[in-house]
Amino acid sequence: MLERISISVQTADFDLAAEYARLAADASIGAIVQFVGRVRERCDGHMVRSLHLEHYPGMSEKVLHEIAGRAMARWDLLGIRIVHRVGRLEPADQIVLVQVAATHRAAAFEAAEALMDLLKTEAPFWKQEATPDGARWLDARETDERAAQRWRKGTT
């Protein structure tokens, strides 16, 4: 039986094939949309040596559940899986997995996009990049805020 909302915040990497197989075993699912975010080697013109993600345990999971719950209420979805890593990550490491399962693709695609936009702007994760010039804290970009606003207003 598919868990409607499944959230994990963890230091360990995730196995994309295993995560997909878990959803694919449910014959009621007609569409699975997956997004995997990775650490880039360049950000805003800076070389990235590593990325350190911090969070507030308990609060991060609660906010991710709330975001997923809003998506479940808005679209006809069968399930949502979010995995977000914390700790020290290096370029090409996986940071985040968002999976959306639905009967049809349109709802799955739209919900996955909304989940990522809202996650980037609402989830309490703090990111610090280590670059050759020193460390710097990252904030949500203005483009992320504009994208998330579209979902908060209910327009597509």
C-alpha atoms as a PDB file:
ATOM      1  CA  MET A   1       0.000   0.000   0.000  1.00  0.00           C
ATOM      2  CA  LEU A   2       1.394   3.372  -1.038  1.00  0.00           C
ATOM      3  CA  GLU A   3       1.937   5.860   1.788  1.00  0.00           C
ATOM      4  CA  ARG A   4       0.168   9.058   0.722  1.00  0.00           C
ATOM      5  CA  ILE A   5       2.900  11.374   2.015  1.00  0.00           C
ATOM      6  CA  SER A   6       6.394  10.174   2.874  1.00  0.00           C
ATOM      7  CA  ILE A   7       9.066  12.625   4.047  1.00  0.00           C
ATOM      8  CA  SER A   8      12.713  11.945   4.944  1.00  0.00           C
ATOM      9  CA  VAL A   9      15.372  14.436   5.991  1.00  0.00           C
ATOM     10  CA  GLN A  10      18.684  12.590   6.146  1.00  0.00           C
ATOM     11  CA  THR A  11      22.440  12.756   5.750  1.00  0.00           C
ATOM     12  CA  ALA A  12      22.632   9.526   3.733  1.00  0.00           C
ATOM     13  CA  ASP A  13      22.315   9.496  -0.039  1.00  0.00           C
ATOM     14  CA  PHE A  14      19.158   8.028  -1.567  1.00  0.00           C
ATOM     15  CA  ASP A  15      18.870   5.267  -4.158  1.00  0.00           C
ATOM     16  CA  LEU A  16      16.806   6.671  -7.014  1.00  0.00           C
ATOM     17  CA  ALA A  17      16.170   3.245  -8.569  1.00  0.00           C
ATOM     18  CA  ALA A  18      14.929   1.823  -5.268  1.00  0.00           C
ATOM     19  CA  GLU A  19      12.713   4.857  -4.652  1.00  0.00           C
ATOM     20  CA  TYR A  20      11.211   4.498  -8.126  1.00  0.00           C
ATOM     21  CA  ALA A  21      10.721   0.738  -7.777  1.00  0.00           C
ATOM     22  CA  ARG A  22       8.740   1.261  -4.579  1.00  0.00           C
ATOM     23  CA  LEU A  23       6.247   3.443  -6.456  1.00  0.00           C
ATOM     24  CA  ALA A  24       6.262   1.409  -9.658  1.00  0.00           C
ATOM     25  CA  ALA A  25       5.109  -1.680  -7.736  1.00  0.00           C
ATOM     26  CA  ASP A  26       1.678  -0.035  -7.250  1.00  0.00           C
ATOM     27  CA  ALA A  27      -0.429  -0.857 -10.343  1.00  0.00           C
ATOM     28  CA  SER A  28      -2.920   1.953  -9.587  1.00  0.00           C
ATOM     29  CA  ILE A  29      -0.279   4.559 -10.458  1.00  0.00           C
ATOM     30  CA  GLY A  30      -0.403   5.737 -14.061  1.00  0.00           C
ATOM     31  CA  ALA A  31       2.209   8.501 -13.788  1.00  0.00           C
ATOM     32  CA  ILE A  32       5.339   9.017 -11.713  1.00  0.00           C
ATOM     33  CA  VAL A  33       7.192  12.306 -11.966  1.00  0.00           C
ATOM     34  CA  GLN A  34      10.582  12.549 -10.302  1.00  0.00           C
ATOM     35  CA  PHE A  35      12.847  15.496  -9.724  1.00  0.00           C
ATOM     36  CA  VAL A  36      16.378  15.110  -8.412  1.00  0.00           C
ATOM     37  CA  GLY A  37      18.309  18.192  -7.377  1.00  0.00           C
ATOM     38  CA  ARG A  38      22.115  17.974  -7.309  1.00  0.00           C
ATOM     39  CA  VAL A  39      24.971  20.138  -6.090  1.00  0.00           C
ATOM     40  CA  ARG A  40      26.327  22.209  -8.973  1.00  0.00           C
ATOM     41  CA  GLU A  41      30.046  22.780  -9.361  1.00  0.00           C
ATOM     42  CA  ARG A  42      29.396  26.446 -10.191  1.00  0.00           C
ATOM     43  CA  CYS A  43      26.843  28.774  -8.631  1.00  0.00           C
ATOM     44  CA  ASP A  44      26.487  32.472  -9.435  1.00  0.00           C
ATOM     45  CA  GLY A  45      29.895  32.427 -11.112  1.00  0.00           C
ATOM     46  CA  HIS A  46      31.658  30.821  -8.130  1.00  0.00           C
ATOM     47  CA  MET A  47      33.325  27.417  -8.089  1.00  0.00           C
ATOM     48  CA  VAL A  48      31.701  25.286  -5.387  1.00  0.00           C
ATOM     49  CA  ARG A  49      33.928  23.038  -3.288  1.00  0.00           C
ATOM     50  CA  SER A  50      31.110  21.839  -1.038  1.00  0.00           C
ATOM     51  CA  LEU A  51      27.668  22.721   0.206  1.00  0.00           C
ATOM     52  CA  HIS A  52      26.638  22.403   3.840  1.00  0.00           C
ATOM     53  CA  LEU A  53      22.918  22.162   4.572  1.00  0.00           C
ATOM     54  CA  GLU A  54      21.567  22.731   8.047  1.00  0.00           C
ATOM     55  CA  HIS A  55      18.020  22.339   9.304  1.00  0.00           C
ATOM     56  CA  TYR A  56      15.930  22.428  12.424  1.00  0.00           C
ATOM     57  CA  PRO A  57      14.985  18.773  13.129  1.00  0.00           C
ATOM     58  CA  GLY A  58      11.258  18.337  13.482  1.00  0.00           C
ATOM     59  CA  MET A  59      10.449  21.718  11.966  1.00  0.00           C
ATOM     60  CA  SER A  60      11.825  20.830   8.530  1.00  0.00           C
ATOM     61  CA  GLU A  61       9.776  17.626   8.353  1.00  0.00           C
ATOM     62  CA  LYS A  62       6.653  19.448   9.556  1.00  0.00           C
ATOM     63  CA  VAL A  63       6.952  22.129   6.869  1.00  0.00           C
ATOM     64  CA  LEU A  64       7.605  19.513   4.157  1.00  0.00           C
ATOM     65  CA  HIS A  65       4.479  17.619   5.297  1.00  0.00           C
ATOM     66  CA  GLU A  66       2.459  20.847   5.134  1.00  0.00           C
ATOM     67  CA  ILE A  67       3.689  21.624   1.611  1.00  0.00           C
ATOM     68  CA  ALA A  68       2.921  18.060   0.492  1.00  0.00           C
ATOM     69  CA  GLY A  69      -0.509  18.209   2.135  1.00  0.00           C
ATOM     70  CA  ARG A  70      -1.370  21.353   0.181  1.00  0.00           C
ATOM     71  CA  ALA A  71      -0.368  19.587  -3.045  1.00  0.00           C
ATOM     72  CA  MET A  72      -2.470  16.523  -2.159  1.00  0.00           C
ATOM     73  CA  ALA A  73      -5.466  18.808  -1.550  1.00  0.00           C
ATOM     74  CA  ARG A  74      -5.005  20.696  -4.825  1.00  0.00           C
ATOM     75  CA  TRP A  75      -4.278  17.873  -7.286  1.00  0.00           C
ATOM     76  CA  ASP A  76      -5.633  14.359  -7.710  1.00  0.00           C
ATOM     77  CA  LEU A  77      -2.527  12.566  -6.451  1.00  0.00           C
ATOM     78  CA  LEU A  78      -1.909   9.067  -5.171  1.00  0.00           C
ATOM     79  CA  GLY A  79       1.262   9.852  -3.250  1.00  0.00           C
ATOM     80  CA  ILE A  80       4.197  12.176  -2.630  1.00  0.00           C
ATOM     81  CA  ARG A  81       7.713  11.231  -1.564  1.00  0.00           C
ATOM     82  CA  ILE A  82      10.243  13.912  -0.556  1.00  0.00           C
ATOM     83  CA  VAL A  83      13.802  13.146   0.500  1.00  0.00           C
ATOM     84  CA  HIS A  84      16.011  16.078   1.451  1.00  0.00           C
ATOM     85  CA  ARG A  85      19.623  15.638   2.476  1.00  0.00           C
ATOM     86  CA  VAL A  86      21.472  17.678   5.061  1.00  0.00           C
ATOM     87  CA  GLY A  87      25.107  17.874   6.091  1.00  0.00           C
ATOM     88  CA  ARG A  88      28.161  18.279   3.869  1.00  0.00           C
ATOM     89  CA  LEU A  89      27.664  17.588   0.155  1.00  0.00           C
ATOM     90  CA  GLU A  90      30.023  17.908  -2.788  1.00  0.00           C
ATOM     91  CA  PRO A  91      29.446  18.796  -6.453  1.00  0.00           C
ATOM     92  CA  ALA A  92      27.333  16.167  -8.248  1.00  0.00           C
ATOM     93  CA  ASP A  93      25.904  14.825  -4.955  1.00  0.00           C
ATOM     94  CA  GLN A  94      22.133  14.431  -4.829  1.00  0.00           C
ATOM     95  CA  ILE A  95      20.405  16.932  -2.532  1.00  0.00           C
ATOM     96  CA  VAL A  96      16.683  16.428  -2.975  1.00  0.00           C
ATOM     97  CA  LEU A  97      14.215  13.951  -4.431  1.00  0.00           C
ATOM     98  CA  VAL A  98      10.596  14.844  -5.121  1.00  0.00           C
ATOM     99  CA  GLN A  99       8.379  12.063  -6.456  1.00  0.00           C
ATOM    100  CA  VAL A 100       4.736  12.518  -7.323  1.00  0.00           C
ATOM    101  CA  ALA A 101       2.448   9.599  -8.126  1.00  0.00           C
ATOM    102  CA  ALA A 102      -0.887  10.118  -9.838  1.00  0.00           C
ATOM    103  CA  THR A 103      -3.345   8.391 -12.108  1.00  0.00           C
ATOM    104  CA  HIS A 104      -2.579  10.852 -14.926  1.00  0.00           C
ATOM    105  CA  ARG A 105       0.540  12.800 -15.928  1.00  0.00           C
ATOM    106  CA  ALA A 106      -0.806  16.377 -15.920  1.00  0.00           C
ATOM    107  CA  ALA A 107      -1.459  16.416 -12.179  1.00  0.00           C
ATOM    108  CA  ALA A 108       1.879  14.716 -11.456  1.00  0.00           C
ATOM    109  CA  PHE A 109       3.922  17.189 -13.534  1.00  0.00           C
ATOM    110  CA  GLU A 110       2.193  20.265 -12.152  1.00  0.00           C
ATOM    111  CA  ALA A 111       2.346  19.087  -8.538  1.00  0.00           C
ATOM    112  CA  ALA A 112       6.045  18.189  -8.806  1.00  0.00           C
ATOM    113  CA  GLU A 113       6.871  21.664 -10.118  1.00  0.00           C
ATOM    114  CA  ALA A 114       4.832  23.313  -7.370  1.00  0.00           C
ATOM    115  CA  LEU A 115       6.420  21.153  -4.672  1.00  0.00           C
ATOM    116  CA  MET A 116       9.938  22.143  -5.724  1.00  0.00           C
ATOM    117  CA  ASP A 117       9.070  25.834  -6.009  1.00  0.00           C
ATOM    118  CA  LEU A 118       7.479  25.848  -2.551  1.00  0.00           C
ATOM    119  CA  LEU A 119      10.204  23.681  -1.010  1.00  0.00           C
ATOM    120  CA  LYS A 120      12.915  26.107  -2.198  1.00  0.00           C
ATOM    121  CA  THR A 121      11.163  29.083  -0.613  1.00  0.00           C
ATOM    122  CA  GLU A 122       9.331  27.716   2.447  1.00  0.00           C
ATOM    123  CA  ALA A 123      11.283  24.758   3.810  1.00  0.00           C
ATOM    124  CA  PRO A 124      13.639  25.718   6.664  1.00  0.00           C
ATOM    125  CA  PHE A 125      16.991  24.629   5.263  1.00  0.00           C
ATOM    126  CA  TRP A 126      20.062  26.821   5.470  1.00  0.00           C
ATOM    127  CA  LYS A 127      22.720  26.432   2.792  1.00  0.00           C
ATOM    128  CA  GLN A 128      26.341  27.501   3.018  1.00  0.00           C
ATOM    129  CA  GLU A 129      28.654  27.128   0.025  1.00  0.00           C
ATOM    130  CA  ALA A 130      32.382  26.680   0.384  1.00  0.00           C
ATOM    131  CA  THR A 131      34.151  28.380  -2.519  1.00  0.00           C
ATOM    132  CA  PRO A 132      37.837  29.153  -3.212  1.00  0.00           C
ATOM    133  CA  ASP A 133      37.051  32.707  -2.006  1.00  0.00           C
ATOM    134  CA  GLY A 134      35.537  31.528   1.297  1.00  0.00           C
ATOM    135  CA  ALA A 135      32.136  30.492   2.598  1.00  0.00           C
ATOM    136  CA  ARG A 136      28.860  32.229   1.789  1.00  0.00           C
ATOM    137  CA  TRP A 137      25.280  31.683   2.899  1.00  0.00           C
ATOM    138  CA  LEU A 138      22.670  31.259   0.169  1.00  0.00           C
ATOM    139  CA  ASP A 139      19.178  32.713   0.144  1.00  0.00           C
ATOM    140  CA  ALA A 140      16.188  31.888  -2.026  1.00  0.00           C
ATOM    141  CA  ARG A 141      16.506  33.644  -5.357  1.00  0.00           C
ATOM    142  CA  GLU A 142      13.997  36.222  -6.522  1.00  0.00           C
ATOM    143  CA  THR A 143      13.097  33.884  -9.399  1.00  0.00           C
ATOM    144  CA  ASP A 144      12.329  31.130  -6.845  1.00  0.00           C
ATOM    145  CA  GLU A 145      10.032  33.504  -4.958  1.00  0.00           C
ATOM    146  CA  ARG A 146       8.194  34.490  -8.148  1.00  0.00           C
ATOM    147  CA  ALA A 147       7.742  30.830  -9.111  1.00  0.00           C
ATOM    148  CA  ALA A 148       6.418  29.916  -5.659  1.00  0.00           C
ATOM    149  CA  GLN A 149       4.030  32.871  -5.653  1.00  0.00           C
ATOM    150  CA  ARG A 150       2.272  31.389  -8.661  1.00  0.00           C
ATOM    151  CA  TRP A 151       1.301  28.331  -6.594  1.00  0.00           C
ATOM    152  CA  ARG A 152       0.368  30.343  -3.532  1.00  0.00           C
ATOM    153  CA  LYS A 153      -2.040  32.420  -5.606  1.00  0.00           C
ATOM    154  CA  GLY A 154      -3.520  29.296  -7.160  1.00  0.00           C
ATOM    155  CA  THR A 155      -2.736  30.229 -10.750  1.00  0.00           C
ATOM    156  CA  THR A 156      -0.862  28.112 -13.252  1.00  0.00           C
END
